[in-house]
Amino acid sequence: MSDRPDQRIINLRNAIDTVDSRIIELLQERSSLAREIGRVKKEIGMEILDPSREGKILKKLASGAKGPMDADALVRIYEVIMQESKRLQED
C-alpha cells in the first residue's frame, strides 16, 4: 500500500477546501448582517433575543434537510451559529 493518497482523495479534499472557503465567506457575511441587525435593534429599542425568529429558522432546518446531513445535525450547527449571532448583536 502506498503512502501517497489516491488522486481521487486529493481531488475530493480539494473540493472540500473550496466548499470550506465558501462556508467561511458566507458565515462572515451572515455575521456582518447579524451585527447590523443588532445595531438597528438597539436603535429602535428592540430586544436582541427573538425566540420566534429562532424557532422559525430551526423549524425550516428540520423540514428542509435533504442530503446526507440529517436535520438534528443541521440544528446543532445552527444553534452555534445563532448563539454567535446573538453575541455579535450584543457587542
C-alpha atoms as a PDB file:
ATOM      1  CA  MET A   1       0.000   0.000   0.000  1.00  0.00           C
ATOM      2  CA  SER A   2       1.291   3.439  -0.955  1.00  0.00           C
ATOM      3  CA  ASP A   3       1.791   6.299   1.488  1.00  0.00           C
ATOM      4  CA  ARG A   4       0.634   8.675  -1.241  1.00  0.00           C
ATOM      5  CA  PRO A   5      -3.130   9.346  -1.197  1.00  0.00           C
ATOM      6  CA  ASP A   6      -5.134   8.253  -4.195  1.00  0.00           C
ATOM      7  CA  GLN A   7      -5.699  11.108  -6.664  1.00  0.00           C
ATOM      8  CA  ARG A   8      -9.459  10.789  -6.126  1.00  0.00           C
ATOM      9  CA  ILE A   9      -8.972  11.557  -2.433  1.00  0.00           C
ATOM     10  CA  ILE A  10      -6.758  14.523  -3.276  1.00  0.00           C
ATOM     11  CA  ASN A  11      -9.419  15.849  -5.658  1.00  0.00           C
ATOM     12  CA  LEU A  12     -12.191  15.364  -3.111  1.00  0.00           C
ATOM     13  CA  ARG A  13     -10.160  17.082  -0.392  1.00  0.00           C
ATOM     14  CA  ASN A  14      -9.513  19.995  -2.729  1.00  0.00           C
ATOM     15  CA  ALA A  15     -13.254  20.223  -3.360  1.00  0.00           C
ATOM     16  CA  ILE A  16     -13.883  20.226   0.399  1.00  0.00           C
ATOM     17  CA  ASP A  17     -11.306  23.008   0.818  1.00  0.00           C
ATOM     18  CA  THR A  18     -13.178  25.060  -1.787  1.00  0.00           C
ATOM     19  CA  VAL A  19     -16.508  24.473  -0.037  1.00  0.00           C
ATOM     20  CA  ASP A  20     -14.937  25.349   3.329  1.00  0.00           C
ATOM     21  CA  SER A  21     -13.731  28.661   1.891  1.00  0.00           C
ATOM     22  CA  ARG A  22     -17.254  29.426   0.672  1.00  0.00           C
ATOM     23  CA  ILE A  23     -18.746  28.470   4.058  1.00  0.00           C
ATOM     24  CA  ILE A  24     -16.316  30.806   5.841  1.00  0.00           C
ATOM     25  CA  GLU A  25     -17.136  33.630   3.444  1.00  0.00           C
ATOM     26  CA  LEU A  26     -20.871  33.113   3.960  1.00  0.00           C
ATOM     27  CA  LEU A  27     -20.516  32.898   7.755  1.00  0.00           C
ATOM     28  CA  GLN A  28     -18.608  36.178   7.744  1.00  0.00           C
ATOM     29  CA  GLU A  29     -21.316  37.766   5.586  1.00  0.00           C
ATOM     30  CA  ARG A  30     -24.007  36.421   7.930  1.00  0.00           C
ATOM     31  CA  SER A  31     -22.063  37.776  10.910  1.00  0.00           C
ATOM     32  CA  SER A  32     -21.891  41.245   9.377  1.00  0.00           C
ATOM     33  CA  LEU A  33     -25.640  41.180   8.813  1.00  0.00           C
ATOM     34  CA  ALA A  34     -26.258  39.987  12.386  1.00  0.00           C
ATOM     35  CA  ARG A  35     -24.113  42.811  13.737  1.00  0.00           C
ATOM     36  CA  GLU A  36     -26.111  45.313  11.660  1.00  0.00           C
ATOM     37  CA  ILE A  37     -29.383  43.820  12.936  1.00  0.00           C
ATOM     38  CA  GLY A  38     -28.082  44.276  16.479  1.00  0.00           C
ATOM     39  CA  ARG A  39     -27.288  47.921  15.764  1.00  0.00           C
ATOM     40  CA  VAL A  40     -30.792  48.514  14.392  1.00  0.00           C
ATOM     41  CA  LYS A  41     -32.422  46.647  17.295  1.00  0.00           C
ATOM     42  CA  LYS A  42     -30.567  48.854  19.788  1.00  0.00           C
ATOM     43  CA  GLU A  43     -31.518  51.950  17.816  1.00  0.00           C
ATOM     44  CA  ILE A  44     -35.240  51.122  17.920  1.00  0.00           C
ATOM     45  CA  GLY A  45     -35.202  49.669  21.446  1.00  0.00           C
ATOM     46  CA  MET A  46     -35.868  46.077  20.443  1.00  0.00           C
ATOM     47  CA  GLU A  47     -34.635  43.078  22.440  1.00  0.00           C
ATOM     48  CA  ILE A  48     -31.700  41.153  20.969  1.00  0.00           C
ATOM     49  CA  LEU A  49     -33.246  37.750  21.629  1.00  0.00           C
ATOM     50  CA  ASP A  50     -36.085  36.875  19.266  1.00  0.00           C
ATOM     51  CA  PRO A  51     -37.273  33.347  20.156  1.00  0.00           C
ATOM     52  CA  SER A  52     -39.921  33.299  17.418  1.00  0.00           C
ATOM     53  CA  ARG A  53     -37.281  34.018  14.753  1.00  0.00           C
ATOM     54  CA  GLU A  54     -35.033  31.281  16.135  1.00  0.00           C
ATOM     55  CA  GLY A  55     -37.935  28.865  16.162  1.00  0.00           C
ATOM     56  CA  LYS A  56     -38.744  29.620  12.521  1.00  0.00           C
ATOM     57  CA  ILE A  57     -35.134  29.049  11.477  1.00  0.00           C
ATOM     58  CA  LEU A  58     -34.878  25.746  13.354  1.00  0.00           C
ATOM     59  CA  LYS A  59     -38.244  24.565  12.018  1.00  0.00           C
ATOM     60  CA  LYS A  60     -37.150  25.371   8.462  1.00  0.00           C
ATOM     61  CA  LEU A  61     -33.929  23.411   9.018  1.00  0.00           C
ATOM     62  CA  ALA A  62     -35.780  20.436  10.430  1.00  0.00           C
ATOM     63  CA  SER A  63     -38.112  20.254   7.468  1.00  0.00           C
ATOM     64  CA  GLY A  64     -35.582  21.103   4.779  1.00  0.00           C
ATOM     65  CA  ALA A  65     -32.843  18.541   5.378  1.00  0.00           C
ATOM     66  CA  LYS A  66     -32.459  16.866   2.001  1.00  0.00           C
ATOM     67  CA  GLY A  67     -28.999  15.373   1.958  1.00  0.00           C
ATOM     68  CA  PRO A  68     -26.609  13.191   3.868  1.00  0.00           C
ATOM     69  CA  MET A  69     -26.641  15.511   6.906  1.00  0.00           C
ATOM     70  CA  ASP A  70     -29.777  14.947   8.952  1.00  0.00           C
ATOM     71  CA  ALA A  71     -31.938  17.660  10.477  1.00  0.00           C
ATOM     72  CA  ASP A  72     -30.572  17.113  14.006  1.00  0.00           C
ATOM     73  CA  ALA A  73     -27.024  17.797  12.818  1.00  0.00           C
ATOM     74  CA  LEU A  74     -28.112  20.927  10.956  1.00  0.00           C
ATOM     75  CA  VAL A  75     -29.978  22.170  14.019  1.00  0.00           C
ATOM     76  CA  ARG A  76     -26.905  21.644  16.232  1.00  0.00           C
ATOM     77  CA  ILE A  77     -24.737  23.615  13.809  1.00  0.00           C
ATOM     78  CA  TYR A  78     -27.258  26.436  13.533  1.00  0.00           C
ATOM     79  CA  GLU A  79     -27.677  26.667  17.291  1.00  0.00           C
ATOM     80  CA  VAL A  80     -23.981  27.575  17.486  1.00  0.00           C
ATOM     81  CA  ILE A  81     -24.290  29.998  14.552  1.00  0.00           C
ATOM     82  CA  MET A  82     -27.280  31.710  16.169  1.00  0.00           C
ATOM     83  CA  GLN A  83     -25.511  31.861  19.532  1.00  0.00           C
ATOM     84  CA  GLU A  84     -22.614  33.680  17.872  1.00  0.00           C
ATOM     85  CA  SER A  85     -25.028  35.954  16.010  1.00  0.00           C
ATOM     86  CA  LYS A  86     -26.630  36.976  19.312  1.00  0.00           C
ATOM     87  CA  ARG A  87     -23.183  37.648  20.768  1.00  0.00           C
ATOM     88  CA  LEU A  88     -22.346  39.879  17.793  1.00  0.00           C
ATOM     89  CA  GLN A  89     -25.647  41.718  18.158  1.00  0.00           C
ATOM     90  CA  GLU A  90     -24.899  42.456  21.805  1.00  0.00           C
ATOM     91  CA  ASP A  91     -21.476  43.983  21.046  1.00  0.00           C
END
